[in-house]
Amino acid sequence: MNLSFHLKDLNKNIKYILISFLITMGFGILTGLAYLYYTTESSPKGIIEHYKGTEDVSYEDWDNYLDKPMKTEKYLHDMLETTHTHVTSFAFISVLLGIIFYFNSIISGKWKTFLIIEPFISTLITFSSLWIMRYLNESFVYLIILSSSILYFCWVIMLFVSLYELIFMKKSNL
């Protein structure tokens, strides 16, 4: 099966659908990052507290928790639920972005392959490290930060390259 067309060559109605989808996906990704910052402050300490709970909270500290809920230890069922929903969702996001990005004409070869495959690898590393950080060794928080940063970086590149080609590049003269 030869799939040799590019995003820029698609019918304008298909382009509108893909542009709408990618913008919506981008909004969802940004909302997820905002939630991550809100719940963990995007810091190693915040991530550890989010999954292992907040220790030794005094009555004076309660004022700090008026806007945010207190962080309690995540139990096995919480960890399973988080892992299941996120790994499944991230797989769908990665495959949908990857399929659209596959048809771009801007990035090709090994970089294209890397950007398409890497989010799947980072998803597995991120959520495996989350379990290790929660139950065995808090130092794995740094691997969580690294792998999830690479994952989001790949998603953003695929999203913006695809949007750029769909919106700004002219149709090829075939």
N, C-alpha and C. Protein backbone atom coordinates (compact mmCIF):
# COMPACT_ATOMS: atom_id res chain seq x y z
N MET A 1 0.85 -1.17 0.00
CA MET A 1 0.00 0.00 0.00
C MET A 1 0.89 1.24 0.00
N ASN A 2 0.74 2.06 -1.02
CA ASN A 2 1.56 3.26 -1.16
C ASN A 2 0.77 4.48 -0.71
N LEU A 3 1.20 5.06 0.38
CA LEU A 3 0.56 6.27 0.90
C LEU A 3 1.53 7.43 0.69
N SER A 4 1.49 8.04 -0.50
CA SER A 4 2.50 9.02 -0.85
C SER A 4 2.01 10.47 -0.82
N PHE A 5 0.80 10.73 -0.38
CA PHE A 5 0.32 12.11 -0.32
C PHE A 5 0.83 12.79 0.96
N HIS A 6 0.71 14.10 0.98
CA HIS A 6 1.11 14.88 2.15
C HIS A 6 -0.06 15.70 2.65
N LEU A 7 0.06 16.18 3.86
CA LEU A 7 -1.01 16.97 4.48
C LEU A 7 -1.40 18.17 3.63
N LYS A 8 -0.41 18.83 3.05
CA LYS A 8 -0.67 20.04 2.26
C LYS A 8 -1.50 19.75 1.01
N ASP A 9 -1.53 18.49 0.56
CA ASP A 9 -2.24 18.12 -0.66
C ASP A 9 -3.68 17.67 -0.42
N LEU A 10 -4.10 17.64 0.81
CA LEU A 10 -5.45 17.16 1.13
C LEU A 10 -6.52 18.16 0.70
N ASN A 11 -7.72 17.65 0.51
CA ASN A 11 -8.91 18.45 0.24
C ASN A 11 -9.11 19.42 1.40
N LYS A 12 -9.58 20.64 1.10
CA LYS A 12 -9.72 21.66 2.15
C LYS A 12 -10.65 21.23 3.28
N ASN A 13 -11.69 20.44 2.99
CA ASN A 13 -12.60 20.00 4.05
C ASN A 13 -11.92 19.02 5.01
N ILE A 14 -11.09 18.13 4.47
CA ILE A 14 -10.31 17.22 5.32
C ILE A 14 -9.31 18.03 6.14
N LYS A 15 -8.70 19.04 5.52
CA LYS A 15 -7.78 19.91 6.25
C LYS A 15 -8.48 20.58 7.43
N TYR A 16 -9.70 21.08 7.20
CA TYR A 16 -10.44 21.73 8.28
C TYR A 16 -10.70 20.78 9.44
N ILE A 17 -11.04 19.54 9.11
CA ILE A 17 -11.28 18.54 10.16
C ILE A 17 -10.00 18.30 10.95
N LEU A 18 -8.88 18.11 10.24
CA LEU A 18 -7.60 17.83 10.91
C LEU A 18 -7.13 19.04 11.72
N ILE A 19 -7.28 20.24 11.16
CA ILE A 19 -6.89 21.45 11.89
C ILE A 19 -7.72 21.57 13.17
N SER A 20 -9.02 21.36 13.05
CA SER A 20 -9.90 21.43 14.23
C SER A 20 -9.51 20.40 15.28
N PHE A 21 -9.23 19.19 14.81
CA PHE A 21 -8.81 18.13 15.73
C PHE A 21 -7.50 18.49 16.42
N LEU A 22 -6.52 18.96 15.66
CA LEU A 22 -5.21 19.27 16.24
C LEU A 22 -5.29 20.44 17.22
N ILE A 23 -6.08 21.44 16.92
CA ILE A 23 -6.25 22.56 17.85
C ILE A 23 -6.92 22.07 19.14
N THR A 24 -7.94 21.24 18.99
CA THR A 24 -8.62 20.68 20.17
C THR A 24 -7.66 19.81 20.97
N MET A 25 -6.87 18.99 20.29
CA MET A 25 -5.88 18.14 20.96
C MET A 25 -4.86 19.01 21.69
N GLY A 26 -4.41 20.08 21.05
CA GLY A 26 -3.47 20.99 21.69
C GLY A 26 -4.04 21.62 22.94
N PHE A 27 -5.32 21.99 22.89
CA PHE A 27 -5.99 22.54 24.07
C PHE A 27 -6.05 21.50 25.18
N GLY A 28 -6.35 20.26 24.82
CA GLY A 28 -6.38 19.18 25.81
C GLY A 28 -5.02 18.95 26.44
N ILE A 29 -3.97 18.98 25.63
CA ILE A 29 -2.61 18.78 26.14
C ILE A 29 -2.24 19.93 27.08
N LEU A 30 -2.55 21.17 26.69
CA LEU A 30 -2.26 22.32 27.55
C LEU A 30 -3.04 22.26 28.86
N THR A 31 -4.29 21.82 28.79
CA THR A 31 -5.09 21.67 30.01
C THR A 31 -4.48 20.62 30.93
N GLY A 32 -3.99 19.53 30.35
CA GLY A 32 -3.32 18.49 31.13
C GLY A 32 -2.07 19.02 31.81
N LEU A 33 -1.30 19.82 31.09
CA LEU A 33 -0.09 20.42 31.68
C LEU A 33 -0.46 21.41 32.79
N ALA A 34 -1.53 22.16 32.60
CA ALA A 34 -1.98 23.09 33.64
C ALA A 34 -2.40 22.32 34.89
N TYR A 35 -3.12 21.21 34.71
CA TYR A 35 -3.53 20.38 35.84
C TYR A 35 -2.30 19.81 36.55
N LEU A 36 -1.33 19.37 35.78
CA LEU A 36 -0.09 18.83 36.35
C LEU A 36 0.61 19.89 37.20
N TYR A 37 0.68 21.12 36.68
CA TYR A 37 1.30 22.19 37.44
C TYR A 37 0.49 22.49 38.71
N TYR A 38 -0.82 22.53 38.58
CA TYR A 38 -1.70 22.84 39.71
C TYR A 38 -1.56 21.80 40.83
N THR A 39 -1.44 20.53 40.47
CA THR A 39 -1.40 19.48 41.49
C THR A 39 0.00 19.16 41.99
N THR A 40 1.04 19.47 41.21
CA THR A 40 2.40 19.09 41.62
C THR A 40 3.39 20.25 41.60
N GLU A 41 2.95 21.41 41.11
CA GLU A 41 3.83 22.56 40.91
C GLU A 41 4.99 22.21 39.99
N SER A 42 4.87 21.13 39.24
CA SER A 42 5.89 20.66 38.29
C SER A 42 7.27 20.59 38.94
N SER A 43 7.30 20.17 40.18
CA SER A 43 8.57 20.05 40.89
C SER A 43 8.73 18.62 41.40
N PRO A 44 9.96 18.16 41.58
CA PRO A 44 10.15 16.81 42.14
C PRO A 44 9.42 16.63 43.47
N LYS A 45 9.54 17.62 44.36
CA LYS A 45 8.88 17.52 45.67
C LYS A 45 7.36 17.43 45.50
N GLY A 46 6.81 18.24 44.61
CA GLY A 46 5.37 18.24 44.38
C GLY A 46 4.86 16.92 43.81
N ILE A 47 5.63 16.32 42.91
CA ILE A 47 5.25 15.03 42.32
C ILE A 47 5.28 13.95 43.39
N ILE A 48 6.34 13.93 44.18
CA ILE A 48 6.46 12.93 45.25
C ILE A 48 5.30 13.08 46.23
N GLU A 49 5.01 14.31 46.65
CA GLU A 49 3.90 14.54 47.58
C GLU A 49 2.56 14.15 46.98
N HIS A 50 2.40 14.35 45.68
CA HIS A 50 1.12 14.02 45.03
C HIS A 50 0.83 12.52 45.11
N TYR A 51 1.87 11.70 45.04
CA TYR A 51 1.68 10.25 45.06
C TYR A 51 1.93 9.61 46.42
N LYS A 52 2.82 10.20 47.21
CA LYS A 52 3.13 9.61 48.52
C LYS A 52 2.43 10.32 49.67
N GLY A 53 1.80 11.46 49.37
CA GLY A 53 1.09 12.20 50.40
C GLY A 53 1.96 13.26 51.05
N THR A 54 1.29 14.16 51.76
CA THR A 54 1.96 15.23 52.49
C THR A 54 2.11 14.79 53.93
N GLU A 55 3.32 14.84 54.42
CA GLU A 55 3.58 14.41 55.79
C GLU A 55 3.60 15.61 56.72
N ASP A 56 3.23 15.37 57.97
CA ASP A 56 3.38 16.35 59.05
C ASP A 56 2.80 17.73 58.72
N VAL A 57 1.51 17.78 58.44
CA VAL A 57 0.86 19.06 58.18
C VAL A 57 0.36 19.61 59.50
N SER A 58 0.81 20.82 59.85
CA SER A 58 0.38 21.45 61.10
C SER A 58 -0.89 22.27 60.85
N TYR A 59 -1.54 22.71 61.93
CA TYR A 59 -2.75 23.52 61.79
C TYR A 59 -2.45 24.83 61.07
N GLU A 60 -1.24 25.37 61.26
CA GLU A 60 -0.87 26.60 60.57
C GLU A 60 -0.81 26.39 59.06
N ASP A 61 -0.45 25.17 58.65
CA ASP A 61 -0.34 24.87 57.23
C ASP A 61 -1.70 24.75 56.54
N TRP A 62 -2.76 24.59 57.31
CA TRP A 62 -4.08 24.41 56.70
C TRP A 62 -4.46 25.60 55.83
N ASP A 63 -3.99 26.80 56.20
CA ASP A 63 -4.28 27.97 55.37
C ASP A 63 -3.76 27.79 53.95
N ASN A 64 -2.66 27.08 53.80
CA ASN A 64 -2.09 26.84 52.47
C ASN A 64 -2.94 25.87 51.65
N TYR A 65 -3.82 25.13 52.30
CA TYR A 65 -4.60 24.11 51.60
C TYR A 65 -6.03 24.56 51.29
N LEU A 66 -6.31 25.84 51.51
CA LEU A 66 -7.67 26.31 51.24
C LEU A 66 -8.00 26.26 49.75
N ASP A 67 -7.04 26.58 48.90
CA ASP A 67 -7.28 26.57 47.46
C ASP A 67 -7.01 25.21 46.83
N LYS A 68 -6.19 24.41 47.46
CA LYS A 68 -5.83 23.11 46.91
C LYS A 68 -6.12 22.03 47.94
N PRO A 69 -6.59 20.88 47.48
CA PRO A 69 -6.84 19.80 48.44
C PRO A 69 -5.54 19.28 49.03
N MET A 70 -5.62 18.77 50.26
CA MET A 70 -4.45 18.18 50.88
C MET A 70 -4.04 16.94 50.10
N LYS A 71 -2.78 16.70 50.03
CA LYS A 71 -2.27 15.56 49.27
C LYS A 71 -2.21 14.34 50.17
N THR A 72 -2.95 13.33 49.80
CA THR A 72 -2.95 12.09 50.57
C THR A 72 -2.26 11.00 49.76
N GLU A 73 -1.78 10.04 50.46
CA GLU A 73 -1.08 8.91 49.84
C GLU A 73 -1.99 8.23 48.82
N LYS A 74 -1.42 7.93 47.65
CA LYS A 74 -2.17 7.19 46.62
C LYS A 74 -2.03 5.70 46.92
N TYR A 75 -3.17 5.06 47.03
CA TYR A 75 -3.19 3.62 47.31
C TYR A 75 -3.14 2.85 45.99
N LEU A 76 -3.05 1.54 46.11
CA LEU A 76 -2.91 0.69 44.93
C LEU A 76 -4.01 0.95 43.91
N HIS A 77 -5.27 1.05 44.36
CA HIS A 77 -6.35 1.27 43.39
C HIS A 77 -6.23 2.63 42.71
N ASP A 78 -5.72 3.65 43.42
CA ASP A 78 -5.49 4.96 42.81
C ASP A 78 -4.39 4.88 41.76
N MET A 79 -3.33 4.17 42.09
CA MET A 79 -2.22 4.01 41.15
C MET A 79 -2.66 3.24 39.90
N LEU A 80 -3.44 2.18 40.10
CA LEU A 80 -3.94 1.41 38.96
C LEU A 80 -4.85 2.26 38.08
N GLU A 81 -5.73 3.03 38.70
CA GLU A 81 -6.65 3.87 37.94
C GLU A 81 -5.89 4.94 37.15
N THR A 82 -4.95 5.60 37.81
CA THR A 82 -4.15 6.63 37.14
C THR A 82 -3.37 6.03 35.98
N THR A 83 -2.71 4.91 36.23
CA THR A 83 -1.90 4.28 35.19
C THR A 83 -2.77 3.82 34.03
N HIS A 84 -3.87 3.15 34.32
CA HIS A 84 -4.74 2.63 33.26
C HIS A 84 -5.28 3.76 32.38
N THR A 85 -5.84 4.79 32.99
CA THR A 85 -6.45 5.85 32.20
C THR A 85 -5.41 6.65 31.41
N HIS A 86 -4.28 6.94 32.04
CA HIS A 86 -3.27 7.74 31.36
C HIS A 86 -2.55 6.96 30.26
N VAL A 87 -2.15 5.74 30.53
CA VAL A 87 -1.44 4.97 29.51
C VAL A 87 -2.35 4.75 28.30
N THR A 88 -3.61 4.41 28.54
CA THR A 88 -4.55 4.21 27.44
C THR A 88 -4.77 5.51 26.67
N SER A 89 -5.00 6.60 27.38
CA SER A 89 -5.22 7.90 26.72
C SER A 89 -3.98 8.35 25.96
N PHE A 90 -2.82 8.21 26.58
CA PHE A 90 -1.58 8.63 25.92
C PHE A 90 -1.32 7.80 24.67
N ALA A 91 -1.67 6.53 24.70
CA ALA A 91 -1.50 5.69 23.51
C ALA A 91 -2.39 6.20 22.37
N PHE A 92 -3.65 6.53 22.69
CA PHE A 92 -4.55 7.06 21.66
C PHE A 92 -4.06 8.41 21.13
N ILE A 93 -3.64 9.29 22.02
CA ILE A 93 -3.12 10.59 21.58
C ILE A 93 -1.91 10.38 20.68
N SER A 94 -1.00 9.51 21.09
CA SER A 94 0.22 9.27 20.33
C SER A 94 -0.07 8.68 18.96
N VAL A 95 -0.99 7.73 18.88
CA VAL A 95 -1.27 7.10 17.59
C VAL A 95 -1.99 8.09 16.67
N LEU A 96 -2.91 8.88 17.19
CA LEU A 96 -3.62 9.84 16.34
C LEU A 96 -2.69 10.95 15.85
N LEU A 97 -1.89 11.52 16.75
CA LEU A 97 -0.91 12.52 16.32
C LEU A 97 0.11 11.91 15.37
N GLY A 98 0.54 10.69 15.66
CA GLY A 98 1.53 10.02 14.83
C GLY A 98 1.04 9.76 13.42
N ILE A 99 -0.21 9.32 13.29
CA ILE A 99 -0.77 9.05 11.95
C ILE A 99 -0.86 10.35 11.15
N ILE A 100 -1.34 11.41 11.77
CA ILE A 100 -1.43 12.70 11.06
C ILE A 100 -0.03 13.18 10.69
N PHE A 101 0.88 13.15 11.65
CA PHE A 101 2.25 13.63 11.44
C PHE A 101 2.97 12.82 10.36
N TYR A 102 2.66 11.54 10.24
CA TYR A 102 3.28 10.67 9.24
C TYR A 102 3.18 11.27 7.84
N PHE A 103 2.11 11.99 7.56
CA PHE A 103 1.86 12.52 6.23
C PHE A 103 2.39 13.94 6.03
N ASN A 104 3.22 14.42 6.96
CA ASN A 104 3.81 15.74 6.76
C ASN A 104 4.97 15.63 5.76
N SER A 105 5.27 16.75 5.10
CA SER A 105 6.38 16.76 4.13
C SER A 105 7.58 17.54 4.64
N ILE A 106 7.52 18.00 5.88
CA ILE A 106 8.57 18.85 6.44
C ILE A 106 9.68 18.02 7.09
N ILE A 107 9.31 17.07 7.91
CA ILE A 107 10.27 16.21 8.62
C ILE A 107 10.14 14.81 8.05
N SER A 108 11.29 14.20 7.75
CA SER A 108 11.25 12.85 7.18
C SER A 108 12.36 11.99 7.77
N GLY A 109 12.40 10.75 7.34
CA GLY A 109 13.48 9.84 7.72
C GLY A 109 13.47 9.46 9.18
N LYS A 110 14.68 9.39 9.74
CA LYS A 110 14.84 8.92 11.12
C LYS A 110 14.20 9.84 12.14
N TRP A 111 14.22 11.16 11.89
CA TRP A 111 13.59 12.08 12.83
C TRP A 111 12.09 11.88 12.88
N LYS A 112 11.50 11.65 11.71
CA LYS A 112 10.05 11.40 11.68
C LYS A 112 9.73 10.14 12.47
N THR A 113 10.49 9.08 12.22
CA THR A 113 10.27 7.81 12.93
C THR A 113 10.45 8.00 14.43
N PHE A 114 11.51 8.70 14.82
CA PHE A 114 11.75 8.95 16.25
C PHE A 114 10.58 9.68 16.89
N LEU A 115 10.13 10.77 16.27
CA LEU A 115 9.04 11.57 16.84
C LEU A 115 7.74 10.78 16.94
N ILE A 116 7.51 9.85 16.02
CA ILE A 116 6.29 9.04 16.06
C ILE A 116 6.36 7.96 17.12
N ILE A 117 7.51 7.29 17.26
CA ILE A 117 7.65 6.14 18.17
C ILE A 117 7.95 6.57 19.61
N GLU A 118 8.72 7.63 19.79
CA GLU A 118 9.20 8.00 21.11
C GLU A 118 8.10 8.21 22.15
N PRO A 119 6.98 8.86 21.84
CA PRO A 119 5.95 9.04 22.88
C PRO A 119 5.44 7.73 23.50
N PHE A 120 5.43 6.66 22.73
CA PHE A 120 5.02 5.37 23.28
C PHE A 120 6.04 4.88 24.30
N ILE A 121 7.31 5.04 23.97
CA ILE A 121 8.39 4.62 24.88
C ILE A 121 8.36 5.48 26.15
N SER A 122 8.24 6.80 25.97
CA SER A 122 8.20 7.69 27.14
C SER A 122 6.99 7.44 28.02
N THR A 123 5.87 7.07 27.43
CA THR A 123 4.69 6.75 28.23
C THR A 123 4.98 5.58 29.15
N LEU A 124 5.58 4.53 28.60
CA LEU A 124 5.90 3.34 29.41
C LEU A 124 6.94 3.68 30.49
N ILE A 125 7.96 4.45 30.13
CA ILE A 125 8.99 4.83 31.10
C ILE A 125 8.39 5.71 32.20
N THR A 126 7.59 6.69 31.81
CA THR A 126 7.00 7.62 32.79
C THR A 126 6.16 6.88 33.82
N PHE A 127 5.26 6.02 33.35
CA PHE A 127 4.34 5.38 34.30
C PHE A 127 4.98 4.21 35.04
N SER A 128 5.98 3.58 34.46
CA SER A 128 6.75 2.58 35.22
C SER A 128 7.53 3.27 36.33
N SER A 129 8.14 4.40 35.99
CA SER A 129 8.91 5.17 36.98
C SER A 129 8.01 5.71 38.08
N LEU A 130 6.78 6.03 37.73
CA LEU A 130 5.83 6.51 38.73
C LEU A 130 5.61 5.46 39.82
N TRP A 131 5.45 4.22 39.40
CA TRP A 131 5.28 3.11 40.36
C TRP A 131 6.54 2.91 41.20
N ILE A 132 7.69 2.95 40.54
CA ILE A 132 8.95 2.76 41.27
C ILE A 132 9.14 3.90 42.26
N MET A 133 8.85 5.15 41.82
CA MET A 133 8.97 6.30 42.71
C MET A 133 8.02 6.17 43.90
N ARG A 134 6.82 5.73 43.65
CA ARG A 134 5.81 5.63 44.72
C ARG A 134 6.16 4.56 45.74
N TYR A 135 6.62 3.40 45.28
CA TYR A 135 6.78 2.26 46.19
C TYR A 135 8.23 1.91 46.53
N LEU A 136 9.21 2.33 45.73
CA LEU A 136 10.58 1.88 45.98
C LEU A 136 11.59 2.99 46.21
N ASN A 137 11.67 3.95 45.28
CA ASN A 137 12.76 4.90 45.34
C ASN A 137 12.32 6.25 44.78
N GLU A 138 12.28 7.26 45.64
CA GLU A 138 11.82 8.59 45.24
C GLU A 138 12.69 9.23 44.16
N SER A 139 13.92 8.79 44.00
CA SER A 139 14.82 9.36 43.00
C SER A 139 14.31 9.16 41.57
N PHE A 140 13.40 8.22 41.38
CA PHE A 140 12.85 7.98 40.05
C PHE A 140 11.97 9.14 39.59
N VAL A 141 11.70 10.09 40.47
CA VAL A 141 10.94 11.27 40.08
C VAL A 141 11.66 12.01 38.95
N TYR A 142 12.99 11.97 38.94
CA TYR A 142 13.74 12.66 37.90
C TYR A 142 13.58 11.98 36.55
N LEU A 143 13.47 10.67 36.54
CA LEU A 143 13.20 9.95 35.29
C LEU A 143 11.79 10.25 34.80
N ILE A 144 10.85 10.38 35.73
CA ILE A 144 9.47 10.77 35.37
C ILE A 144 9.49 12.13 34.67
N ILE A 145 10.19 13.08 35.26
CA ILE A 145 10.26 14.44 34.70
C ILE A 145 10.92 14.41 33.32
N LEU A 146 12.03 13.70 33.19
CA LEU A 146 12.74 13.63 31.91
C LEU A 146 11.89 12.97 30.83
N SER A 147 11.35 11.79 31.12
CA SER A 147 10.61 11.05 30.10
C SER A 147 9.31 11.75 29.72
N SER A 148 8.62 12.33 30.69
CA SER A 148 7.37 13.03 30.35
C SER A 148 7.66 14.33 29.60
N SER A 149 8.77 14.98 29.89
CA SER A 149 9.15 16.19 29.14
C SER A 149 9.44 15.85 27.69
N ILE A 150 10.16 14.77 27.46
CA ILE A 150 10.45 14.34 26.09
C ILE A 150 9.15 13.98 25.37
N LEU A 151 8.25 13.28 26.06
CA LEU A 151 6.97 12.90 25.48
C LEU A 151 6.20 14.14 25.03
N TYR A 152 6.04 15.13 25.91
CA TYR A 152 5.30 16.34 25.57
C TYR A 152 6.00 17.12 24.47
N PHE A 153 7.32 17.15 24.48
CA PHE A 153 8.09 17.83 23.44
C PHE A 153 7.80 17.20 22.08
N CYS A 154 7.78 15.87 22.00
CA CYS A 154 7.47 15.18 20.74
C CYS A 154 6.05 15.48 20.30
N TRP A 155 5.10 15.43 21.23
CA TRP A 155 3.71 15.74 20.87
C TRP A 155 3.59 17.15 20.31
N VAL A 156 4.23 18.11 20.95
CA VAL A 156 4.14 19.51 20.52
C VAL A 156 4.77 19.68 19.14
N ILE A 157 5.92 19.07 18.90
CA ILE A 157 6.54 19.16 17.58
C ILE A 157 5.61 18.57 16.52
N MET A 158 5.09 17.36 16.77
CA MET A 158 4.19 16.73 15.79
C MET A 158 2.96 17.59 15.55
N LEU A 159 2.41 18.15 16.59
CA LEU A 159 1.21 18.97 16.48
C LEU A 159 1.49 20.23 15.66
N PHE A 160 2.55 20.96 16.00
CA PHE A 160 2.82 22.22 15.31
C PHE A 160 3.30 22.02 13.88
N VAL A 161 4.10 21.02 13.62
CA VAL A 161 4.53 20.74 12.24
C VAL A 161 3.32 20.40 11.39
N SER A 162 2.44 19.56 11.91
CA SER A 162 1.23 19.18 11.17
C SER A 162 0.33 20.39 10.93
N LEU A 163 0.12 21.20 11.96
CA LEU A 163 -0.69 22.41 11.79
C LEU A 163 -0.07 23.37 10.78
N TYR A 164 1.23 23.55 10.87
CA TYR A 164 1.92 24.45 9.94
C TYR A 164 1.69 24.00 8.50
N GLU A 165 1.88 22.72 8.24
CA GLU A 165 1.71 22.24 6.87
C GLU A 165 0.26 22.36 6.42
N LEU A 166 -0.67 22.03 7.29
CA LEU A 166 -2.09 22.10 6.92
C LEU A 166 -2.56 23.54 6.66
N ILE A 167 -2.03 24.49 7.40
CA ILE A 167 -2.51 25.87 7.31
C ILE A 167 -1.72 26.71 6.30
N PHE A 168 -0.40 26.58 6.29
CA PHE A 168 0.43 27.53 5.55
C PHE A 168 1.05 27.02 4.26
N MET A 169 1.23 25.73 4.13
CA MET A 169 1.91 25.23 2.93
C MET A 169 0.93 25.06 1.77
N LYS A 170 1.41 25.39 0.58
CA LYS A 170 0.59 25.30 -0.63
C LYS A 170 0.59 23.88 -1.17
N LYS A 171 -0.48 23.56 -1.88
CA LYS A 171 -0.64 22.26 -2.50
C LYS A 171 0.47 22.03 -3.53
N SER A 172 0.96 20.79 -3.60
CA SER A 172 1.98 20.43 -4.60
C SER A 172 1.36 20.42 -5.98
N ASN A 173 2.14 20.80 -6.97
CA ASN A 173 1.69 20.69 -8.37
C ASN A 173 1.98 19.29 -8.86
N LEU A 174 0.96 18.46 -8.92
CA LEU A 174 1.15 17.06 -9.33
C LEU A 174 0.98 16.90 -10.81
